[in-house]
């Protein structure tokens, strides 16, 4: 391998930069005495609140098949108290059964009340015996978003069956003595108050791991993994919020942490929360628009699911070497569509009206935390053999050696086309070379600040992933400029 790398360097007339440092001290399959090896599960949070438009169980089939193919074991079906919840749960449970997937209910306590323990248990009982219901250690698996203070005994009694209750309780707030495990939702570095870190207030995701594991005292931990966080709702909706968490290479870095941490469970946040930009499922997945189409249209994230696949396989095998699980060589790249210095105040939706800010989540103009994001293009190579990667971002070009395995790199963002070229020896690897469908621009797309990520892959997808009509219904609401629809294809 060393001689091949030297040969590659010798062929290049460029100054090469180095990717993330590599530790070759362990090049054999990692072994583990962890009792969870062979019993590890990967969940993915699925928002049921935006799928009221689905008409049958087959509408969930593509989601189930994609997730299963990536190694995801179960969808955590997040439900509120919507009138359509039962209908959609019925469809989802049936589709999961038809496609060999598992599902479980995650009760969203933004809508459920902590006084409704009996009602929660009754809902659990309604689906407990269906074939697709996830069971862990012989118990019906149940989770939540928030819910500190709910009567766990009331839930267990009303469920009428053994449940494995692993809610999103907060250490120091929820009672960890009467639960079977817990989910940590904070998959992003933060300031301890649900916003981006600030000087002196920087809580990493690994800090959260430690806090939860201390609180759980050996009970199973559901470790969070998320690729991004950006939201930009203005006065055009009743739920204004406008902030980002530092994301950049979070998706790659966090999966590396997961391989070292080796928790019993992992939960990806999320499959389809387009409003917070941390979706890894397709734009075409049937859903209704909650106003997120303004920053989601033309911003596919499917490549993130591709990147996760070897990490998921390595995690389940108790290995720290995702290279052993690369099925197809790929290059996955992502970047924001504009530099963060672009000023959109004149037309941005958050500059209009006087929305309520009782939540403390609304900020006018550029999203709170925007300064924590880097103006860079992020590249993850998934290679079986080393290669030379050339990235051209606008008028900025950088060339580097990518070693075998799954490795990250970043280059400065430039306005203009984004192109990638992979070579071995004197030959271009055509399947791993090409130009992105989305340029970086220094104008305000749809007139707004857009801190979402565009994610592409090489080889490129066979067809362009686009929002469907139901996912575009609120696109123009609140916009100060005309916004063309689905411009990539």
Protein backbone atom coordinates (compact mmCIF):
# COMPACT_ATOMS: atom_id res chain seq x y z
CA UNK A 1 0.00 0.00 0.00
CA UNK A 2 2.82 2.42 0.90
CA UNK A 3 4.48 2.00 -2.50
CA UNK A 4 1.18 2.54 -4.30
CA UNK A 5 0.61 5.78 -2.41
CA UNK A 6 4.11 6.96 -3.28
CA UNK A 7 3.52 6.13 -6.93
CA UNK A 8 0.29 8.10 -6.91
CA UNK A 9 2.01 11.12 -5.44
CA UNK A 10 4.76 10.92 -8.02
CA UNK A 11 2.25 11.22 -10.82
CA UNK A 12 0.84 14.51 -9.56
CA UNK A 13 2.14 17.99 -10.35
CA UNK A 14 0.09 19.42 -7.48
CA UNK A 15 0.73 20.26 -3.87
CA UNK A 16 -1.27 17.66 -2.00
CA UNK A 17 -3.08 18.10 1.28
CA UNK A 18 -3.67 15.27 3.69
CA UNK A 19 -7.03 13.82 4.73
CA UNK A 20 -7.99 12.97 8.27
CA UNK A 21 -5.12 11.24 10.07
CA UNK A 22 -5.16 7.46 9.81
CA UNK A 23 -4.35 4.91 12.47
CA UNK A 24 -3.08 1.74 10.82
CA UNK A 25 -2.14 0.08 14.10
CA UNK A 26 -5.09 -2.27 13.84
CA UNK A 27 -5.74 -3.58 10.36
CA UNK A 28 -7.52 -6.75 11.29
CA UNK A 29 -11.17 -7.33 12.06
CA UNK A 30 -11.87 -5.94 15.52
CA UNK A 31 -13.15 -8.42 18.05
CA UNK A 32 -15.19 -7.55 21.08
CA UNK A 33 -16.30 -9.16 24.30
CA UNK A 34 -19.21 -6.71 24.50
CA UNK A 35 -22.29 -8.76 25.33
CA UNK A 36 -24.31 -6.63 22.91
CA UNK A 37 -22.43 -7.86 19.83
CA UNK A 38 -25.01 -9.69 17.72
CA UNK A 39 -27.74 -7.92 19.67
CA UNK A 40 -27.20 -4.36 18.47
CA UNK A 41 -30.06 -2.56 16.79
CA UNK A 42 -30.30 0.60 14.69
CA UNK A 43 -33.49 2.66 14.77
CA UNK A 44 -34.48 5.66 12.67
CA UNK A 45 -36.91 8.33 13.86
CA UNK A 46 -39.86 8.72 11.49
CA UNK A 47 -42.23 11.72 11.77
CA UNK A 48 -45.84 10.61 11.37
CA UNK A 49 -47.10 14.18 11.73
CA UNK A 50 -46.41 14.97 8.05
CA UNK A 51 -47.75 11.82 6.39
CA UNK A 52 -51.51 12.32 6.69
CA UNK A 53 -51.70 12.17 2.87
CA UNK A 54 -50.74 8.50 2.59
CA UNK A 55 -53.60 6.38 1.27
CA UNK A 56 -52.48 2.81 1.87
CA UNK A 57 -49.73 0.66 3.35
CA UNK A 58 -47.85 0.49 0.06
CA UNK A 59 -47.07 4.21 0.42
CA UNK A 60 -44.61 3.17 3.14
CA UNK A 61 -43.00 0.33 1.17
CA UNK A 62 -40.17 2.35 -0.38
CA UNK A 63 -39.19 3.78 3.01
CA UNK A 64 -39.19 0.32 4.56
CA UNK A 65 -37.12 -1.21 1.76
CA UNK A 66 -34.55 1.59 1.70
CA UNK A 67 -34.09 1.52 5.45
CA UNK A 68 -33.81 -2.25 5.62
CA UNK A 69 -31.27 -2.29 2.78
CA UNK A 70 -29.10 0.16 4.74
CA UNK A 71 -29.17 -2.03 7.84
CA UNK A 72 -31.78 -0.08 9.82
CA UNK A 73 -33.77 -2.51 11.99
CA UNK A 74 -36.81 -0.45 12.98
CA UNK A 75 -38.54 2.87 12.50
CA UNK A 76 -39.43 4.82 15.64
CA UNK A 77 -42.87 6.10 14.63
CA UNK A 78 -43.21 9.52 16.24
CA UNK A 79 -46.88 10.26 16.92
CA UNK A 80 -48.77 13.14 18.39
CA UNK A 81 -52.51 13.18 19.00
CA UNK A 82 -53.60 13.75 15.39
CA UNK A 83 -56.87 12.28 14.19
CA UNK A 84 -55.10 10.40 11.41
CA UNK A 85 -52.48 8.75 13.64
CA UNK A 86 -54.24 5.39 13.92
CA UNK A 87 -54.86 5.15 10.19
CA UNK A 88 -51.23 5.89 9.38
CA UNK A 89 -49.93 3.61 12.14
CA UNK A 90 -52.04 0.80 10.68
CA UNK A 91 -50.50 1.40 7.26
CA UNK A 92 -46.96 1.61 8.62
CA UNK A 93 -47.24 -1.55 10.71
CA UNK A 94 -48.67 -3.44 7.72
CA UNK A 95 -45.95 -2.20 5.35
CA UNK A 96 -43.25 -3.13 7.86
CA UNK A 97 -44.68 -6.64 8.11
CA UNK A 98 -44.85 -6.92 4.33
CA UNK A 99 -41.20 -5.85 3.97
CA UNK A 100 -39.53 -7.66 6.85
CA UNK A 101 -39.02 -4.50 8.93
CA UNK A 102 -39.91 -3.69 12.52
CA UNK A 103 -41.51 -0.56 13.96
CA UNK A 104 -42.41 0.84 17.37
CA UNK A 105 -44.24 3.88 18.69
CA UNK A 106 -42.38 6.93 19.95
CA UNK A 107 -44.80 9.19 21.84
CA UNK A 108 -44.16 12.88 21.20
CA UNK A 109 -44.75 14.75 24.43
CA UNK A 110 -44.95 18.05 22.61
CA UNK A 111 -48.52 16.82 22.07
CA UNK A 112 -49.14 14.05 24.57
CA UNK A 113 -49.42 15.16 28.19
CA UNK A 114 -47.40 13.62 31.00
CA UNK A 115 -50.74 13.09 32.79
CA UNK A 116 -51.81 10.67 30.03
CA UNK A 117 -49.87 7.59 31.16
CA UNK A 118 -52.94 5.36 30.90
CA UNK A 119 -53.77 6.66 27.41
CA UNK A 120 -50.19 6.01 26.29
CA UNK A 121 -50.38 2.45 27.62
CA UNK A 122 -53.69 1.86 25.85
CA UNK A 123 -52.15 2.96 22.55
CA UNK A 124 -49.22 0.58 23.14
CA UNK A 125 -51.68 -2.28 23.71
CA UNK A 126 -53.44 -1.48 20.44
CA UNK A 127 -50.34 -2.40 18.40
CA UNK A 128 -48.41 -4.68 20.76
CA UNK A 129 -49.38 -7.96 19.11
CA UNK A 130 -48.95 -6.97 15.47
CA UNK A 131 -46.26 -8.91 13.57
CA UNK A 132 -44.10 -5.84 12.85
CA UNK A 133 -43.96 -4.64 16.46
CA UNK A 134 -40.36 -4.51 17.66
CA UNK A 135 -39.71 -6.59 20.75
CA UNK A 136 -36.49 -6.47 22.75
CA UNK A 137 -35.68 -9.09 25.36
CA UNK A 138 -39.16 -10.49 24.74
CA UNK A 139 -40.82 -7.16 25.59
CA UNK A 140 -42.78 -4.69 23.44
CA UNK A 141 -40.44 -1.79 22.69
CA UNK A 142 -41.78 1.73 23.41
CA UNK A 143 -40.03 5.09 23.29
CA UNK A 144 -40.76 8.81 23.37
CA UNK A 145 -39.66 12.31 22.58
CA UNK A 146 -39.42 14.10 25.96
CA UNK A 147 -41.97 12.89 28.55
CA UNK A 148 -40.17 13.45 31.86
CA UNK A 149 -42.71 13.03 34.65
CA UNK A 150 -45.10 10.66 32.89
CA UNK A 151 -46.47 7.90 35.13
CA UNK A 152 -44.50 4.88 33.93
CA UNK A 153 -46.48 2.48 36.13
CA UNK A 154 -49.71 3.71 34.54
CA UNK A 155 -48.25 3.06 31.09
CA UNK A 156 -47.19 -0.46 32.03
CA UNK A 157 -50.56 -1.25 33.63
CA UNK A 158 -52.65 0.01 30.71
CA UNK A 159 -50.41 -1.73 28.15
CA UNK A 160 -51.30 -5.08 29.73
CA UNK A 161 -48.05 -6.66 28.50
CA UNK A 162 -44.36 -6.54 29.27
CA UNK A 163 -42.88 -3.42 27.70
CA UNK A 164 -39.30 -2.34 27.18
CA UNK A 165 -39.75 1.36 27.92
CA UNK A 166 -36.84 3.47 26.65
CA UNK A 167 -38.03 7.09 26.62
CA UNK A 168 -36.22 10.34 25.94
CA UNK A 169 -36.03 11.25 29.64
CA UNK A 170 -33.49 13.89 30.68
CA UNK A 171 -30.83 13.01 33.26
CA UNK A 172 -31.64 14.93 36.43
CA UNK A 173 -35.27 15.39 35.37
CA UNK A 174 -36.81 12.03 34.51
CA UNK A 175 -36.97 9.04 36.85
CA UNK A 176 -34.47 6.54 35.48
CA UNK A 177 -35.29 3.90 38.10
CA UNK A 178 -38.46 2.65 36.40
CA UNK A 179 -37.36 2.55 32.77
CA UNK A 180 -35.51 -0.10 30.76
CA UNK A 181 -33.28 2.23 28.75
CA UNK A 182 -33.20 5.81 27.50
CA UNK A 183 -32.82 7.81 24.30
CA UNK A 184 -30.59 10.86 24.15
CA UNK A 185 -32.05 13.27 21.57
CA UNK A 186 -29.19 15.82 21.53
CA UNK A 187 -27.21 14.61 18.55
CA UNK A 188 -25.60 18.03 17.98
CA UNK A 189 -23.07 20.05 19.96
CA UNK A 190 -25.02 22.67 21.89
CA UNK A 191 -24.95 25.29 24.64
CA UNK A 192 -27.01 23.25 27.12
CA UNK A 193 -30.14 25.22 26.26
CA UNK A 194 -31.07 23.77 22.85
CA UNK A 195 -29.01 26.22 20.81
CA UNK A 196 -25.61 26.26 19.14
CA UNK A 197 -22.54 26.33 21.39
CA UNK A 198 -21.14 29.64 22.52
CA UNK A 199 -17.86 30.59 24.18
CA UNK A 200 -17.73 28.76 27.49
CA UNK A 201 -20.95 26.84 26.75
CA UNK A 202 -20.04 23.94 24.47
CA UNK A 203 -21.55 20.55 25.25
CA UNK A 204 -20.46 17.91 22.77
CA UNK A 205 -22.50 14.88 21.77
CA UNK A 206 -19.89 12.72 23.50
CA UNK A 207 -20.52 14.73 26.69
CA UNK A 208 -24.17 13.75 26.34
CA UNK A 209 -23.22 10.09 25.95
CA UNK A 210 -21.34 10.22 29.22
CA UNK A 211 -24.18 11.95 31.07
CA UNK A 212 -26.74 9.40 29.88
CA UNK A 213 -24.58 6.39 30.59
CA UNK A 214 -23.98 7.68 34.12
CA UNK A 215 -27.73 8.13 34.63
CA UNK A 216 -28.57 4.71 33.17
CA UNK A 217 -26.17 2.82 35.45
CA UNK A 218 -25.71 -0.06 33.03
CA UNK A 219 -29.17 -0.01 31.46
CA UNK A 220 -29.21 0.08 27.63
CA UNK A 221 -28.48 3.42 26.00
CA UNK A 222 -29.96 4.63 22.70
CA UNK A 223 -27.18 6.78 21.28
CA UNK A 224 -28.24 9.48 18.79
CA UNK A 225 -26.74 10.02 15.35
CA UNK A 226 -27.76 12.93 13.14
CA UNK A 227 -26.29 14.52 10.02
CA UNK A 228 -27.43 18.14 10.33
CA UNK A 229 -29.71 20.66 11.99
CA UNK A 230 -31.08 23.78 10.34
CA UNK A 231 -34.57 25.23 10.62
CA UNK A 232 -35.96 28.51 9.28
CA UNK A 233 -39.66 28.99 9.94
CA UNK A 234 -40.93 32.58 10.00
CA UNK A 235 -44.19 34.36 10.67
CA UNK A 236 -45.91 32.46 7.84
CA UNK A 237 -46.51 29.59 10.29
CA UNK A 238 -47.59 29.35 13.92
CA UNK A 239 -44.36 27.62 14.96
CA UNK A 240 -41.59 30.12 14.07
CA UNK A 241 -38.06 28.96 14.79
CA UNK A 242 -34.76 29.86 13.19
CA UNK A 243 -31.47 28.37 14.30
CA UNK A 244 -28.75 25.88 13.38
CA UNK A 245 -26.44 23.55 15.26
CA UNK A 246 -22.86 23.08 14.02
CA UNK A 247 -23.13 20.24 11.51
CA UNK A 248 -20.43 20.23 8.81
CA UNK A 249 -18.76 16.75 9.17
CA UNK A 250 -20.98 15.73 12.08
CA UNK A 251 -22.47 12.74 10.24
CA UNK A 252 -19.05 11.22 9.58
CA UNK A 253 -17.51 12.10 12.92
CA UNK A 254 -20.45 10.80 14.91
CA UNK A 255 -20.45 7.41 13.20
CA UNK A 256 -16.76 7.09 14.10
CA UNK A 257 -17.72 7.81 17.72
CA UNK A 258 -20.46 5.18 17.57
CA UNK A 259 -17.97 2.51 16.51
CA UNK A 260 -15.86 3.33 19.57
CA UNK A 261 -18.77 3.75 21.99
CA UNK A 262 -20.53 0.57 20.83
CA UNK A 263 -23.87 1.16 22.57
CA UNK A 264 -26.59 -1.46 22.47
CA UNK A 265 -28.88 0.79 20.42
CA UNK A 266 -28.43 3.65 17.94
CA UNK A 267 -31.17 5.99 16.75
CA UNK A 268 -30.76 8.05 13.59
CA UNK A 269 -32.42 11.46 13.84
CA UNK A 270 -34.26 11.43 11.42
CA UNK A 271 -35.69 9.78 8.34
CA UNK A 272 -38.04 12.57 7.31
CA UNK A 273 -37.96 15.65 9.54
CA UNK A 274 -37.56 18.03 6.63
CA UNK A 275 -38.38 21.02 8.82
CA UNK A 276 -35.15 20.59 10.80
CA UNK A 277 -33.11 19.46 7.77
CA UNK A 278 -31.88 16.23 9.38
CA UNK A 279 -33.67 13.87 6.99
CA UNK A 280 -31.79 10.99 5.39
CA UNK A 281 -34.81 9.63 3.52
CA UNK A 282 -35.78 10.80 0.03
CA UNK A 283 -37.57 14.04 -0.79
CA UNK A 284 -40.00 11.97 -2.85
CA UNK A 285 -41.18 10.04 0.21
CA UNK A 286 -44.91 11.02 0.36
CA UNK A 287 -45.53 13.79 2.89
CA UNK A 288 -47.30 17.10 3.36
CA UNK A 289 -45.56 20.47 3.46
CA UNK A 290 -45.27 22.19 6.84
CA UNK A 291 -43.45 25.15 5.25
CA UNK A 292 -40.07 23.43 5.04
CA UNK A 293 -40.15 23.19 1.24
CA UNK A 294 -38.53 26.65 1.07
CA UNK A 295 -35.18 25.21 2.16
CA UNK A 296 -35.73 21.52 1.31
CA UNK A 297 -36.61 21.72 -2.38
CA UNK A 298 -33.64 20.72 -4.55
CA UNK A 299 -31.71 19.56 -1.46
CA UNK A 300 -31.59 15.73 -1.50
CA UNK A 301 -29.87 13.89 1.35
CA UNK A 302 -29.88 10.30 0.06
CA UNK A 303 -26.08 10.17 -0.03
CA UNK A 304 -25.99 10.34 3.75
CA UNK A 305 -27.83 7.02 3.92
CA UNK A 306 -25.28 5.56 1.48
CA UNK A 307 -22.44 6.79 3.68
CA UNK A 308 -23.97 5.27 6.81
CA UNK A 309 -24.31 1.78 5.39
CA UNK A 310 -20.77 0.44 6.05
CA UNK A 311 -20.75 2.13 9.46
CA UNK A 312 -24.02 0.43 10.41
CA UNK A 313 -22.65 -2.93 9.35
CA UNK A 314 -19.40 -2.37 11.25
CA UNK A 315 -21.30 -1.26 14.38
CA UNK A 316 -23.42 -4.39 14.38
CA UNK A 317 -20.35 -6.59 13.86
CA UNK A 318 -18.48 -4.97 16.73
CA UNK A 319 -15.83 -3.70 14.32
CA UNK A 320 -14.13 -0.33 14.08
CA UNK A 321 -13.24 -0.88 10.43
CA UNK A 322 -16.03 0.13 8.03
CA UNK A 323 -13.71 -0.66 5.10
CA UNK A 324 -14.61 -4.32 5.58
CA UNK A 325 -18.23 -3.49 4.79
CA UNK A 326 -17.88 -1.33 1.68
CA UNK A 327 -19.99 -2.99 -1.01
CA UNK A 328 -19.53 -0.34 -3.70
CA UNK A 329 -16.96 2.43 -4.00
CA UNK A 330 -18.57 5.85 -3.61
CA UNK A 331 -17.81 9.48 -3.14
CA UNK A 332 -20.35 11.37 -1.03
CA UNK A 333 -20.18 15.15 -0.84
CA UNK A 334 -22.23 17.91 0.72
CA UNK A 335 -22.23 21.67 1.15
CA UNK A 336 -24.55 24.58 1.82
CA UNK A 337 -25.87 26.34 -1.32
CA UNK A 338 -24.50 29.77 -0.35
CA UNK A 339 -21.65 31.21 1.70
CA UNK A 340 -22.80 32.25 5.17
CA UNK A 341 -21.84 35.87 4.45
CA UNK A 342 -24.65 36.30 1.90
CA UNK A 343 -27.12 38.90 3.18
CA UNK A 344 -30.78 38.04 2.64
CA UNK A 345 -32.37 40.41 5.14
CA UNK A 346 -34.18 42.37 2.43
CA UNK A 347 -36.29 39.38 1.37
CA UNK A 348 -36.01 36.75 4.10
CA UNK A 349 -39.26 35.43 5.58
CA UNK A 350 -38.07 35.85 9.16
CA UNK A 351 -37.84 39.62 8.68
CA UNK A 352 -41.59 39.87 8.13
CA UNK A 353 -44.44 40.12 10.64
CA UNK A 354 -44.41 39.82 14.42
CA UNK A 355 -44.50 36.13 15.27
CA UNK A 356 -44.90 34.93 18.83
CA UNK A 357 -41.62 33.89 20.41
CA UNK A 358 -42.82 32.20 23.59
CA UNK A 359 -40.56 29.26 22.76
CA UNK A 360 -37.45 31.41 22.50
CA UNK A 361 -36.64 29.67 19.21
CA UNK A 362 -37.31 32.55 16.80
CA UNK A 363 -34.59 34.84 15.52
CA UNK A 364 -34.80 37.35 12.70
CA UNK A 365 -32.52 37.09 9.67
CA UNK A 366 -29.51 34.83 9.56
CA UNK A 367 -30.14 31.73 11.74
CA UNK A 368 -28.89 31.77 15.30
CA UNK A 369 -25.66 29.75 15.37
CA UNK A 370 -24.81 30.42 11.73
CA UNK A 371 -21.31 31.46 12.71
CA UNK A 372 -20.59 27.90 13.88
CA UNK A 373 -20.89 26.56 10.31
CA UNK A 374 -17.89 26.42 7.96
CA UNK A 375 -17.87 27.61 4.35
CA UNK A 376 -16.50 24.30 3.09
CA UNK A 377 -17.32 21.40 0.82
CA UNK A 378 -17.29 18.12 2.73
CA UNK A 379 -16.24 14.91 1.03
CA UNK A 380 -16.35 11.31 2.26
CA UNK A 381 -14.61 8.71 0.13
CA UNK A 382 -15.57 5.04 0.43
CA UNK A 383 -12.75 3.24 -1.35
CA UNK A 384 -11.32 -0.28 -1.52
CA UNK A 385 -8.03 1.03 -2.93
CA UNK A 386 -6.31 4.40 -2.55
CA UNK A 387 -6.95 7.10 -5.11
CA UNK A 388 -6.27 10.76 -5.82
CA UNK A 389 -9.24 13.12 -5.42
CA UNK A 390 -9.43 16.52 -7.07
CA UNK A 391 -12.16 18.86 -5.84
CA UNK A 392 -12.94 22.08 -7.66
CA UNK A 393 -15.30 24.42 -5.81
CA UNK A 394 -15.88 27.45 -8.00
CA UNK A 395 -12.41 28.82 -8.71
CA UNK A 396 -10.82 26.97 -5.78
CA UNK A 397 -9.12 23.63 -6.42
CA UNK A 398 -7.60 21.13 -4.03
CA UNK A 399 -6.10 17.69 -4.67
CA UNK A 400 -5.42 15.06 -2.05
CA UNK A 401 -4.77 11.36 -1.58
CA UNK A 402 -7.71 9.37 -0.27
CA UNK A 403 -6.66 6.12 1.42
CA UNK A 404 -8.67 2.89 1.35
CA UNK A 405 -11.61 2.84 3.73
CA UNK A 406 -14.16 5.47 4.66
CA UNK A 407 -12.45 8.82 5.19
CA UNK A 408 -13.45 12.46 5.30
CA UNK A 409 -11.93 15.60 3.89
CA UNK A 410 -13.07 19.21 3.44
CA UNK A 411 -12.04 21.97 1.06
CA UNK A 412 -12.81 25.71 0.99
CA UNK A 413 -16.11 26.58 -0.65
CA UNK A 414 -16.08 28.65 -3.83
CA UNK A 415 -18.97 30.23 -5.71
CA UNK A 416 -19.77 28.34 -8.90
CA UNK A 417 -19.81 24.73 -10.06
CA UNK A 418 -18.72 21.91 -7.75
CA UNK A 419 -16.81 19.13 -9.51
CA UNK A 420 -14.95 16.03 -8.41
CA UNK A 421 -12.38 13.85 -10.15
CA UNK A 422 -10.96 10.58 -8.87
CA UNK A 423 -7.90 9.04 -10.49
CA UNK A 424 -5.76 5.94 -10.03
CA UNK A 425 -2.46 6.03 -11.84
CA UNK A 426 -3.03 7.82 -15.12
CA UNK A 427 -6.69 6.80 -15.37
CA UNK A 428 -9.78 8.68 -14.31
CA UNK A 429 -12.28 6.61 -12.35
CA UNK A 430 -15.26 7.81 -14.35
CA UNK A 431 -17.92 6.45 -12.01
CA UNK A 432 -16.45 8.50 -9.15
CA UNK A 433 -15.98 11.69 -11.16
CA UNK A 434 -18.49 14.33 -12.16
CA UNK A 435 -20.09 17.71 -11.50
CA UNK A 436 -22.82 18.40 -8.96
CA UNK A 437 -26.28 19.43 -10.15
CA UNK A 438 -26.25 22.38 -7.74
CA UNK A 439 -23.85 25.32 -7.91
CA UNK A 440 -22.86 27.40 -4.92
CA UNK A 441 -24.27 30.89 -5.47
CA UNK A 442 -23.86 34.25 -3.76
CA UNK A 443 -27.54 35.19 -4.09
CA UNK A 444 -30.53 34.38 -1.88
CA UNK A 445 -32.29 31.29 -3.26
CA UNK A 446 -36.06 31.87 -2.97
CA UNK A 447 -35.08 35.07 -1.16
CA UNK A 448 -34.22 33.34 2.12
CA UNK A 449 -31.28 32.22 4.21
CA UNK A 450 -30.81 28.53 3.46
CA UNK A 451 -28.43 26.67 5.78
CA UNK A 452 -29.59 23.21 4.69
CA UNK A 453 -27.11 20.89 2.95
CA UNK A 454 -27.09 19.65 -0.62
CA UNK A 455 -25.85 16.04 -0.64
CA UNK A 456 -24.61 14.35 -3.79
CA UNK A 457 -22.98 11.05 -4.67
CA UNK A 458 -20.70 9.63 -7.30
CA UNK A 459 -21.76 7.46 -8.95
CA UNK A 460 -24.72 9.81 -9.22
CA UNK A 461 -28.26 8.63 -8.61
CA UNK A 462 -30.09 7.41 -11.71
CA UNK A 463 -32.86 10.00 -11.27
CA UNK A 464 -33.26 13.33 -9.51
CA UNK A 465 -34.93 13.13 -6.10
CA UNK A 466 -37.71 15.72 -6.00
CA UNK A 467 -40.47 16.93 -3.71
CA UNK A 468 -43.91 15.82 -4.82
CA UNK A 469 -46.90 18.20 -5.12
CA UNK A 470 -48.12 17.63 -1.54
CA UNK A 471 -44.64 18.48 -0.31
CA UNK A 472 -44.66 21.83 -2.11
CA UNK A 473 -48.02 23.32 -1.11
CA UNK A 474 -46.57 25.98 1.22
CA UNK A 475 -43.56 26.88 -0.90
CA UNK A 476 -44.73 30.37 -1.84
CA UNK A 477 -46.26 31.33 1.53
CA UNK A 478 -44.36 34.24 3.03
CA UNK A 479 -41.85 34.47 0.18
CA UNK A 480 -40.97 37.94 -1.13
CA UNK A 481 -39.70 36.61 -4.47
CA UNK A 482 -40.86 34.04 -7.00
CA UNK A 483 -39.41 30.59 -6.37
CA UNK A 484 -39.23 28.12 -9.31
CA UNK A 485 -40.14 24.52 -8.48
CA UNK A 486 -37.75 21.54 -8.60
CA UNK A 487 -35.02 23.27 -10.59
CA UNK A 488 -32.54 20.36 -10.52
CA UNK A 489 -34.58 18.25 -12.89
